[in-house]
Amino acid sequence: GEAALRSRNFHAGIRLLETMLTGCIEGAEERPRKRSKKAAASVPLSTREQILYQLSRLYRQIGDDDVVLSLYNQFAQSSITQRTIALTLKGAVKDAQKEYSLALAHTDDTTFEWPEGERPSNHEVQIWEEENMHALMKLGQWEELREFCLFEVGNQPAKFWDTTAIGGEQWQELYLAGYITSSLKDERYWDGLRQWTDESLADSKKKHVLESSFCSELVQIYAYTDEWERARFFLSHAYNQFIQQWTDLPLIADQARLSLLQ
């Protein structure tokens, strides 16, 4: 699922996951979980339920909202998850974001008593966090997005590179995107963002992540801070990267091409 999302091979990912779902074997190793200290104790998602979640992400990318809702109804333990994803899919992003924010506040409140049957799994809390960030991006609430990302790492941007602090490598790109994008929207943060970027690029592993996933943002960072040579370097790199990604897509991947153009 994660690989299909990164490569934009949505249909291939769907075929593979549906094949796995048919012959699903319970007890496979689960991915690391974040916020376990904040989420209420509950039965973790089975292998089948995790496949259903990954399928829902891919079907969402190709715009099949009815299938997405059906999949969520099969693995979501809390009605909050079902209700908020329905709001999101019908375009009521602001209402959904308010619900995500309230639900996440309850997970941080150790005195809050969840109604019977509404206790979220750790995985559902992850979904709320991910959806909340996407909603903030769609609503253009950049300051709130930046604060949300920094809160997760104790206001220390260097910890975005510590996968144990954010719950695993699969969450790193999401938090990096939130932090970088929101910081670019406000001139007050440009110098600090450039300094963080300079320090990150000095490390080969961090440099690989930034150049492979955030090349366009690197162009903006250095253009906004008048470092034109570096901006031109990353612009050339971003163009070549785009051409490669475009030519790698299969002919039927219309939705993936639209996603790449956005």
C-alpha atoms as a PDB file:
ATOM      1  CA  GLY A   1       0.000   0.000   0.000  1.00  0.00           C
ATOM      2  CA  GLU A   2       2.674   2.506   0.997  1.00  0.00           C
ATOM      3  CA  ALA A   3       4.829   1.629  -2.027  1.00  0.00           C
ATOM      4  CA  ALA A   4       1.867   1.964  -4.397  1.00  0.00           C
ATOM      5  CA  LEU A   5       1.023   5.387  -2.976  1.00  0.00           C
ATOM      6  CA  ARG A   6       4.583   6.637  -3.322  1.00  0.00           C
ATOM      7  CA  SER A   7       4.941   5.330  -6.884  1.00  0.00           C
ATOM      8  CA  ARG A   8       1.361   6.279  -7.821  1.00  0.00           C
ATOM      9  CA  ASN A   9       0.759   2.781  -9.172  1.00  0.00           C
ATOM     10  CA  PHE A  10      -2.674   2.766  -7.536  1.00  0.00           C
ATOM     11  CA  HIS A  11      -4.302   0.064  -9.682  1.00  0.00           C
ATOM     12  CA  ALA A  12      -1.366  -2.324  -9.326  1.00  0.00           C
ATOM     13  CA  GLY A  13      -1.434  -1.792  -5.565  1.00  0.00           C
ATOM     14  CA  ILE A  14      -5.171  -2.501  -5.446  1.00  0.00           C
ATOM     15  CA  ARG A  15      -4.753  -5.743  -7.377  1.00  0.00           C
ATOM     16  CA  LEU A  16      -1.957  -6.908  -5.090  1.00  0.00           C
ATOM     17  CA  LEU A  17      -3.801  -6.045  -1.862  1.00  0.00           C
ATOM     18  CA  GLU A  18      -7.029  -7.657  -3.031  1.00  0.00           C
ATOM     19  CA  THR A  19      -5.072 -10.824  -3.831  1.00  0.00           C
ATOM     20  CA  MET A  20      -3.539 -10.686  -0.350  1.00  0.00           C
ATOM     21  CA  LEU A  21      -6.976 -10.128   1.164  1.00  0.00           C
ATOM     22  CA  THR A  22      -8.349 -13.254  -0.492  1.00  0.00           C
ATOM     23  CA  GLY A  23      -5.692 -15.426   1.101  1.00  0.00           C
ATOM     24  CA  CYS A  24      -5.033 -13.291   4.154  1.00  0.00           C
ATOM     25  CA  ILE A  25      -3.044 -15.009   6.929  1.00  0.00           C
ATOM     26  CA  GLU A  26      -3.720 -13.729  10.441  1.00  0.00           C
ATOM     27  CA  GLY A  27      -0.836 -13.032  12.770  1.00  0.00           C
ATOM     28  CA  ALA A  28       1.509 -11.250  10.370  1.00  0.00           C
ATOM     29  CA  GLU A  29       3.812  -8.738  12.008  1.00  0.00           C
ATOM     30  CA  GLU A  30       2.142  -5.376  12.459  1.00  0.00           C
ATOM     31  CA  ARG A  31       3.740  -2.051  11.666  1.00  0.00           C
ATOM     32  CA  PRO A  32       4.917   0.201  14.506  1.00  0.00           C
ATOM     33  CA  ARG A  33       2.216   2.210  16.188  1.00  0.00           C
ATOM     34  CA  LYS A  34       2.418   5.803  17.348  1.00  0.00           C
ATOM     35  CA  ARG A  35       0.516   7.591  20.070  1.00  0.00           C
ATOM     36  CA  SER A  36       0.063   4.324  21.924  1.00  0.00           C
ATOM     37  CA  LYS A  37       0.400   6.246  25.154  1.00  0.00           C
ATOM     38  CA  LYS A  38      -2.472   8.515  24.146  1.00  0.00           C
ATOM     39  CA  ALA A  39      -4.851   6.076  22.521  1.00  0.00           C
ATOM     40  CA  ALA A  40      -7.092   4.022  24.708  1.00  0.00           C
ATOM     41  CA  ALA A  41      -6.214   0.359  25.061  1.00  0.00           C
ATOM     42  CA  SER A  42      -8.067  -1.723  22.483  1.00  0.00           C
ATOM     43  CA  VAL A  43      -7.775  -4.739  20.239  1.00  0.00           C
ATOM     44  CA  PRO A  44      -5.216  -3.963  17.499  1.00  0.00           C
ATOM     45  CA  LEU A  45      -6.182  -4.261  13.862  1.00  0.00           C
ATOM     46  CA  SER A  46      -5.798  -7.702  12.359  1.00  0.00           C
ATOM     47  CA  THR A  47      -3.786  -8.279   9.204  1.00  0.00           C
ATOM     48  CA  ARG A  48      -7.056  -8.315   7.242  1.00  0.00           C
ATOM     49  CA  GLU A  49      -8.156  -4.974   8.692  1.00  0.00           C
ATOM     50  CA  GLN A  50      -4.807  -3.367   7.897  1.00  0.00           C
ATOM     51  CA  ILE A  51      -5.116  -4.550   4.284  1.00  0.00           C
ATOM     52  CA  LEU A  52      -8.633  -3.064   4.158  1.00  0.00           C
ATOM     53  CA  TYR A  53      -7.246   0.264   5.389  1.00  0.00           C
ATOM     54  CA  GLN A  54      -4.480   0.300   2.783  1.00  0.00           C
ATOM     55  CA  LEU A  55      -7.055  -0.563   0.114  1.00  0.00           C
ATOM     56  CA  SER A  56      -9.216   2.361   1.238  1.00  0.00           C
ATOM     57  CA  ARG A  57      -6.286   4.737   0.744  1.00  0.00           C
ATOM     58  CA  LEU A  58      -5.704   3.503  -2.797  1.00  0.00           C
ATOM     59  CA  TYR A  59      -9.377   3.543  -3.781  1.00  0.00           C
ATOM     60  CA  ARG A  60      -9.570   7.076  -2.455  1.00  0.00           C
ATOM     61  CA  GLN A  61      -6.782   8.097  -4.815  1.00  0.00           C
ATOM     62  CA  ILE A  62      -8.767   6.892  -7.819  1.00  0.00           C
ATOM     63  CA  GLY A  63     -11.953   8.615  -6.595  1.00  0.00           C
ATOM     64  CA  ASP A  64     -14.101   5.577  -5.761  1.00  0.00           C
ATOM     65  CA  ASP A  65     -15.726   7.045  -2.646  1.00  0.00           C
ATOM     66  CA  ASP A  66     -18.419   4.353  -2.280  1.00  0.00           C
ATOM     67  CA  VAL A  67     -15.766   1.641  -2.012  1.00  0.00           C
ATOM     68  CA  VAL A  68     -13.790   3.766   0.460  1.00  0.00           C
ATOM     69  CA  LEU A  69     -16.802   4.111   2.769  1.00  0.00           C
ATOM     70  CA  SER A  70     -17.543   0.395   2.512  1.00  0.00           C
ATOM     71  CA  LEU A  71     -13.960  -0.479   3.453  1.00  0.00           C
ATOM     72  CA  TYR A  72     -13.924   1.933   6.407  1.00  0.00           C
ATOM     73  CA  ASN A  73     -17.128   0.372   7.731  1.00  0.00           C
ATOM     74  CA  GLN A  74     -15.374  -2.996   7.791  1.00  0.00           C
ATOM     75  CA  PHE A  75     -12.377  -2.020   9.916  1.00  0.00           C
ATOM     76  CA  ALA A  76     -13.305   1.130  11.871  1.00  0.00           C
ATOM     77  CA  GLN A  77     -14.110   0.418  15.519  1.00  0.00           C
ATOM     78  CA  SER A  78     -15.338   3.924  16.340  1.00  0.00           C
ATOM     79  CA  SER A  79     -18.291   5.696  14.732  1.00  0.00           C
ATOM     80  CA  ILE A  80     -16.147   8.851  14.827  1.00  0.00           C
ATOM     81  CA  THR A  81     -13.898   7.373  12.145  1.00  0.00           C
ATOM     82  CA  GLN A  82     -16.847   6.370   9.952  1.00  0.00           C
ATOM     83  CA  ARG A  83     -18.603   9.712  10.395  1.00  0.00           C
ATOM     84  CA  THR A  84     -15.588  11.915   9.744  1.00  0.00           C
ATOM     85  CA  ILE A  85     -14.445  10.058   6.634  1.00  0.00           C
ATOM     86  CA  ALA A  86     -17.989  10.371   5.254  1.00  0.00           C
ATOM     87  CA  LEU A  87     -17.885  14.123   5.903  1.00  0.00           C
ATOM     88  CA  THR A  88     -14.501  14.395   4.204  1.00  0.00           C
ATOM     89  CA  LEU A  89     -15.572  12.469   1.116  1.00  0.00           C
ATOM     90  CA  LYS A  90     -18.678  14.607   0.611  1.00  0.00           C
ATOM     91  CA  GLY A  91     -16.597  17.790   0.850  1.00  0.00           C
ATOM     92  CA  ALA A  92     -17.455  18.930   4.379  1.00  0.00           C
ATOM     93  CA  VAL A  93     -13.764  19.189   5.232  1.00  0.00           C
ATOM     94  CA  LYS A  94     -14.171  21.942   7.823  1.00  0.00           C
ATOM     95  CA  ASP A  95     -16.740  19.940   9.796  1.00  0.00           C
ATOM     96  CA  ALA A  96     -14.580  16.830   9.586  1.00  0.00           C
ATOM     97  CA  GLN A  97     -11.505  18.717  10.808  1.00  0.00           C
ATOM     98  CA  LYS A  98     -13.405  19.993  13.851  1.00  0.00           C
ATOM     99  CA  GLU A  99     -14.375  16.428  14.730  1.00  0.00           C
ATOM    100  CA  TYR A 100     -10.832  15.148  14.253  1.00  0.00           C
ATOM    101  CA  SER A 101      -9.484  17.930  16.452  1.00  0.00           C
ATOM    102  CA  LEU A 102     -11.998  17.203  19.216  1.00  0.00           C
ATOM    103  CA  ALA A 103     -11.415  13.456  19.053  1.00  0.00           C
ATOM    104  CA  LEU A 104      -7.628  13.898  19.229  1.00  0.00           C
ATOM    105  CA  ALA A 105      -8.046  16.220  22.214  1.00  0.00           C
ATOM    106  CA  HIS A 106      -9.942  13.420  23.968  1.00  0.00           C
ATOM    107  CA  THR A 107      -7.083  10.987  23.328  1.00  0.00           C
ATOM    108  CA  ASP A 108      -4.752  13.428  25.102  1.00  0.00           C
ATOM    109  CA  ASP A 109      -7.127  13.676  28.093  1.00  0.00           C
ATOM    110  CA  THR A 110      -6.473  10.751  30.411  1.00  0.00           C
ATOM    111  CA  THR A 111      -9.635  11.544  32.399  1.00  0.00           C
ATOM    112  CA  PHE A 112     -11.959  11.338  29.382  1.00  0.00           C
ATOM    113  CA  GLU A 113     -14.280   8.342  29.440  1.00  0.00           C
ATOM    114  CA  TRP A 114     -15.132   7.010  26.005  1.00  0.00           C
ATOM    115  CA  PRO A 115     -18.740   5.919  25.460  1.00  0.00           C
ATOM    116  CA  GLU A 116     -19.234   2.176  25.153  1.00  0.00           C
ATOM    117  CA  GLY A 117     -18.108   0.973  21.749  1.00  0.00           C
ATOM    118  CA  GLU A 118     -16.379   4.274  20.913  1.00  0.00           C
ATOM    119  CA  ARG A 119     -12.953   3.517  22.355  1.00  0.00           C
ATOM    120  CA  PRO A 120     -10.547   4.009  19.407  1.00  0.00           C
ATOM    121  CA  SER A 121      -7.783   1.648  18.464  1.00  0.00           C
ATOM    122  CA  ASN A 122      -4.246   3.001  18.161  1.00  0.00           C
ATOM    123  CA  HIS A 123      -4.630   2.619  14.417  1.00  0.00           C
ATOM    124  CA  GLU A 124      -7.759   4.780  14.360  1.00  0.00           C
ATOM    125  CA  VAL A 125      -5.963   7.511  16.259  1.00  0.00           C
ATOM    126  CA  GLN A 126      -3.295   7.389  13.549  1.00  0.00           C
ATOM    127  CA  ILE A 127      -6.034   7.771  10.948  1.00  0.00           C
ATOM    128  CA  TRP A 128      -7.440  10.804  12.796  1.00  0.00           C
ATOM    129  CA  GLU A 129      -4.009  12.429  12.891  1.00  0.00           C
ATOM    130  CA  GLU A 130      -3.378  11.782   9.196  1.00  0.00           C
ATOM    131  CA  GLU A 131      -6.830  12.981   8.150  1.00  0.00           C
ATOM    132  CA  ASN A 132      -6.588  16.026  10.405  1.00  0.00           C
ATOM    133  CA  MET A 133      -3.346  17.060   8.721  1.00  0.00           C
ATOM    134  CA  HIS A 134      -4.806  16.574   5.240  1.00  0.00           C
ATOM    135  CA  ALA A 135      -7.866  18.607   6.251  1.00  0.00           C
ATOM    136  CA  LEU A 136      -5.716  21.458   7.579  1.00  0.00           C
ATOM    137  CA  MET A 137      -3.834  21.475   4.270  1.00  0.00           C
ATOM    138  CA  LYS A 138      -7.068  21.611   2.261  1.00  0.00           C
ATOM    139  CA  LEU A 139      -8.410  24.408   4.462  1.00  0.00           C
ATOM    140  CA  GLY A 140      -5.175  26.384   4.221  1.00  0.00           C
ATOM    141  CA  GLN A 141      -4.812  26.507   7.996  1.00  0.00           C
ATOM    142  CA  TRP A 142      -1.042  26.572   7.815  1.00  0.00           C
ATOM    143  CA  GLU A 143      -0.252  27.887  11.287  1.00  0.00           C
ATOM    144  CA  GLU A 144      -2.418  25.208  12.875  1.00  0.00           C
ATOM    145  CA  LEU A 145      -0.780  22.559  10.690  1.00  0.00           C
ATOM    146  CA  ARG A 146       2.703  23.706  11.645  1.00  0.00           C
ATOM    147  CA  GLU A 147       1.843  23.702  15.345  1.00  0.00           C
ATOM    148  CA  PHE A 148       0.299  20.235  15.056  1.00  0.00           C
ATOM    149  CA  CYS A 149       3.435  18.806  13.431  1.00  0.00           C
ATOM    150  CA  LEU A 150       5.816  20.449  15.874  1.00  0.00           C
ATOM    151  CA  PHE A 151       3.742  19.325  18.862  1.00  0.00           C
ATOM    152  CA  GLU A 152       4.375  15.707  17.901  1.00  0.00           C
ATOM    153  CA  VAL A 153       8.159  16.224  18.127  1.00  0.00           C
ATOM    154  CA  GLY A 154       8.261  18.485  21.167  1.00  0.00           C
ATOM    155  CA  ASN A 155       8.845  21.608  19.046  1.00  0.00           C
ATOM    156  CA  GLN A 156      12.163  20.180  17.847  1.00  0.00           C
ATOM    157  CA  PRO A 157      12.192  19.903  14.019  1.00  0.00           C
ATOM    158  CA  ALA A 158      15.343  17.765  14.114  1.00  0.00           C
ATOM    159  CA  LYS A 159      13.211  14.966  15.586  1.00  0.00           C
ATOM    160  CA  PHE A 160      11.291  14.608  12.336  1.00  0.00           C
ATOM    161  CA  TRP A 161      14.277  12.484  11.335  1.00  0.00           C
ATOM    162  CA  ASP A 162      13.889  10.262  14.390  1.00  0.00           C
ATOM    163  CA  THR A 163      11.421   7.660  13.161  1.00  0.00           C
ATOM    164  CA  THR A 164      10.941   6.313  16.687  1.00  0.00           C
ATOM    165  CA  ALA A 165       9.673   9.737  17.789  1.00  0.00           C
ATOM    166  CA  ILE A 166       6.983   9.883  15.091  1.00  0.00           C
ATOM    167  CA  GLY A 167       5.988   6.234  15.057  1.00  0.00           C
ATOM    168  CA  GLY A 168       7.868   4.827  12.099  1.00  0.00           C
ATOM    169  CA  GLU A 169       9.267   5.593   8.681  1.00  0.00           C
ATOM    170  CA  GLN A 170       5.819   5.494   7.057  1.00  0.00           C
ATOM    171  CA  TRP A 171       4.836   8.603   9.040  1.00  0.00           C
ATOM    172  CA  GLN A 172       8.008  10.561   8.318  1.00  0.00           C
ATOM    173  CA  GLU A 173       7.021  11.815   4.880  1.00  0.00           C
ATOM    174  CA  LEU A 174       3.626  13.018   6.118  1.00  0.00           C
ATOM    175  CA  TYR A 175       5.094  15.040   8.977  1.00  0.00           C
ATOM    176  CA  LEU A 176       7.909  16.391   6.847  1.00  0.00           C
ATOM    177  CA  ALA A 177       5.345  17.511   4.254  1.00  0.00           C
ATOM    178  CA  GLY A 178       3.253  19.220   6.910  1.00  0.00           C
ATOM    179  CA  TYR A 179       6.203  20.997   8.489  1.00  0.00           C
ATOM    180  CA  ILE A 180       7.895  22.093   5.251  1.00  0.00           C
ATOM    181  CA  THR A 181       4.714  23.197   3.465  1.00  0.00           C
ATOM    182  CA  SER A 182       3.314  25.130   6.416  1.00  0.00           C
ATOM    183  CA  SER A 183       6.660  26.833   7.063  1.00  0.00           C
ATOM    184  CA  LEU A 184       6.902  27.931   3.429  1.00  0.00           C
ATOM    185  CA  LYS A 185       3.560  29.724   3.753  1.00  0.00           C
ATOM    186  CA  ASP A 186       4.868  32.259   6.290  1.00  0.00           C
ATOM    187  CA  GLU A 187       7.928  34.428   5.677  1.00  0.00           C
ATOM    188  CA  ARG A 188       8.703  34.461   9.392  1.00  0.00           C
ATOM    189  CA  TYR A 189       9.785  30.821   9.190  1.00  0.00           C
ATOM    190  CA  TRP A 190      11.863  30.896   6.006  1.00  0.00           C
ATOM    191  CA  ASP A 191      15.276  31.450   7.593  1.00  0.00           C
ATOM    192  CA  GLY A 192      14.704  28.763  10.207  1.00  0.00           C
ATOM    193  CA  LEU A 193      13.458  26.362   7.554  1.00  0.00           C
ATOM    194  CA  ARG A 194      16.501  27.037   5.365  1.00  0.00           C
ATOM    195  CA  GLN A 195      18.843  26.408   8.305  1.00  0.00           C
ATOM    196  CA  TRP A 196      17.066  23.131   9.105  1.00  0.00           C
ATOM    197  CA  THR A 197      17.269  22.183   5.418  1.00  0.00           C
ATOM    198  CA  ASP A 198      21.003  22.983   5.211  1.00  0.00           C
ATOM    199  CA  GLU A 199      21.669  20.815   8.249  1.00  0.00           C
ATOM    200  CA  SER A 200      19.520  17.996   6.877  1.00  0.00           C
ATOM    201  CA  LEU A 201      21.163  18.027   3.449  1.00  0.00           C
ATOM    202  CA  ALA A 202      24.546  17.563   5.106  1.00  0.00           C
ATOM    203  CA  ASP A 203      23.461  14.038   6.055  1.00  0.00           C
ATOM    204  CA  SER A 204      23.342  11.585   3.147  1.00  0.00           C
ATOM    205  CA  LYS A 205      20.241   9.691   4.323  1.00  0.00           C
ATOM    206  CA  LYS A 206      18.281  12.849   5.049  1.00  0.00           C
ATOM    207  CA  LYS A 207      19.436  14.340   1.768  1.00  0.00           C
ATOM    208  CA  HIS A 208      18.087  11.330  -0.098  1.00  0.00           C
ATOM    209  CA  VAL A 209      14.652  11.701   1.509  1.00  0.00           C
ATOM    210  CA  LEU A 210      14.452  15.433   0.765  1.00  0.00           C
ATOM    211  CA  GLU A 211      15.692  15.128  -2.813  1.00  0.00           C
ATOM    212  CA  SER A 212      13.447  12.187  -3.647  1.00  0.00           C
ATOM    213  CA  SER A 213      10.225  13.467  -2.046  1.00  0.00           C
ATOM    214  CA  PHE A 214      10.540  17.240  -1.594  1.00  0.00           C
ATOM    215  CA  CYS A 215      12.601  18.518  -4.505  1.00  0.00           C
ATOM    216  CA  SER A 216      10.013  21.128  -5.521  1.00  0.00           C
ATOM    217  CA  GLU A 217       9.902  22.398  -1.956  1.00  0.00           C
ATOM    218  CA  LEU A 218      13.709  22.658  -1.912  1.00  0.00           C
ATOM    219  CA  VAL A 219      13.451  24.955  -4.930  1.00  0.00           C
ATOM    220  CA  GLN A 220      11.079  27.214  -3.001  1.00  0.00           C
ATOM    221  CA  ILE A 221      13.152  27.196   0.168  1.00  0.00           C
ATOM    222  CA  TYR A 222      16.278  28.434  -1.595  1.00  0.00           C
ATOM    223  CA  ALA A 223      14.466  30.802  -3.956  1.00  0.00           C
ATOM    224  CA  TYR A 224      12.629  32.441  -1.058  1.00  0.00           C
ATOM    225  CA  THR A 225      15.950  33.004   0.748  1.00  0.00           C
ATOM    226  CA  ASP A 226      17.707  34.338  -2.390  1.00  0.00           C
ATOM    227  CA  GLU A 227      20.045  31.390  -2.845  1.00  0.00           C
ATOM    228  CA  TRP A 228      19.472  31.215  -6.590  1.00  0.00           C
ATOM    229  CA  GLU A 229      22.226  28.798  -7.560  1.00  0.00           C
ATOM    230  CA  ARG A 230      20.927  26.142  -5.222  1.00  0.00           C
ATOM    231  CA  ALA A 231      17.354  26.882  -6.301  1.00  0.00           C
ATOM    232  CA  ARG A 232      18.312  26.366  -9.962  1.00  0.00           C
ATOM    233  CA  PHE A 233      20.102  23.125  -9.094  1.00  0.00           C
ATOM    234  CA  PHE A 234      17.035  21.678  -7.390  1.00  0.00           C
ATOM    235  CA  LEU A 235      14.740  23.017 -10.123  1.00  0.00           C
ATOM    236  CA  SER A 236      16.664  21.004 -12.704  1.00  0.00           C
ATOM    237  CA  HIS A 237      16.564  17.972 -10.430  1.00  0.00           C
ATOM    238  CA  ALA A 238      12.810  18.392  -9.866  1.00  0.00           C
ATOM    239  CA  TYR A 239      12.138  18.610 -13.605  1.00  0.00           C
ATOM    240  CA  ASN A 240      14.099  15.442 -14.366  1.00  0.00           C
ATOM    241  CA  GLN A 241      12.364  13.682 -11.480  1.00  0.00           C
ATOM    242  CA  PHE A 242       8.942  14.671 -12.811  1.00  0.00           C
ATOM    243  CA  ILE A 243       9.736  13.414 -16.323  1.00  0.00           C
ATOM    244  CA  GLN A 244      10.948  10.098 -14.923  1.00  0.00           C
ATOM    245  CA  GLN A 245       7.852   9.634 -12.753  1.00  0.00           C
ATOM    246  CA  TRP A 246       5.569  10.561 -15.657  1.00  0.00           C
ATOM    247  CA  THR A 247       7.144   8.097 -18.079  1.00  0.00           C
ATOM    248  CA  ASP A 248       7.108   5.314 -15.462  1.00  0.00           C
ATOM    249  CA  LEU A 249       3.312   5.491 -15.058  1.00  0.00           C
ATOM    250  CA  PRO A 250       1.222   2.924 -16.949  1.00  0.00           C
ATOM    251  CA  LEU A 251      -1.019   4.157 -19.766  1.00  0.00           C
ATOM    252  CA  ILE A 252      -4.245   3.628 -17.789  1.00  0.00           C
ATOM    253  CA  ALA A 253      -3.068   5.624 -14.757  1.00  0.00           C
ATOM    254  CA  ASP A 254      -5.097   8.770 -15.502  1.00  0.00           C
ATOM    255  CA  GLN A 255      -5.741   9.581 -11.840  1.00  0.00           C
ATOM    256  CA  ALA A 256      -2.091   9.108 -10.986  1.00  0.00           C
ATOM    257  CA  ARG A 257      -1.121  11.548 -13.751  1.00  0.00           C
ATOM    258  CA  LEU A 258      -3.553  14.129 -12.372  1.00  0.00           C
ATOM    259  CA  SER A 259      -2.095  13.580  -8.901  1.00  0.00           C
ATOM    260  CA  LEU A 260       1.415  14.116 -10.248  1.00  0.00           C
ATOM    261  CA  LEU A 261       0.404  17.378 -11.922  1.00  0.00           C
ATOM    262  CA  GLN A 262      -1.083  18.858  -8.754  1.00  0.00           C
END
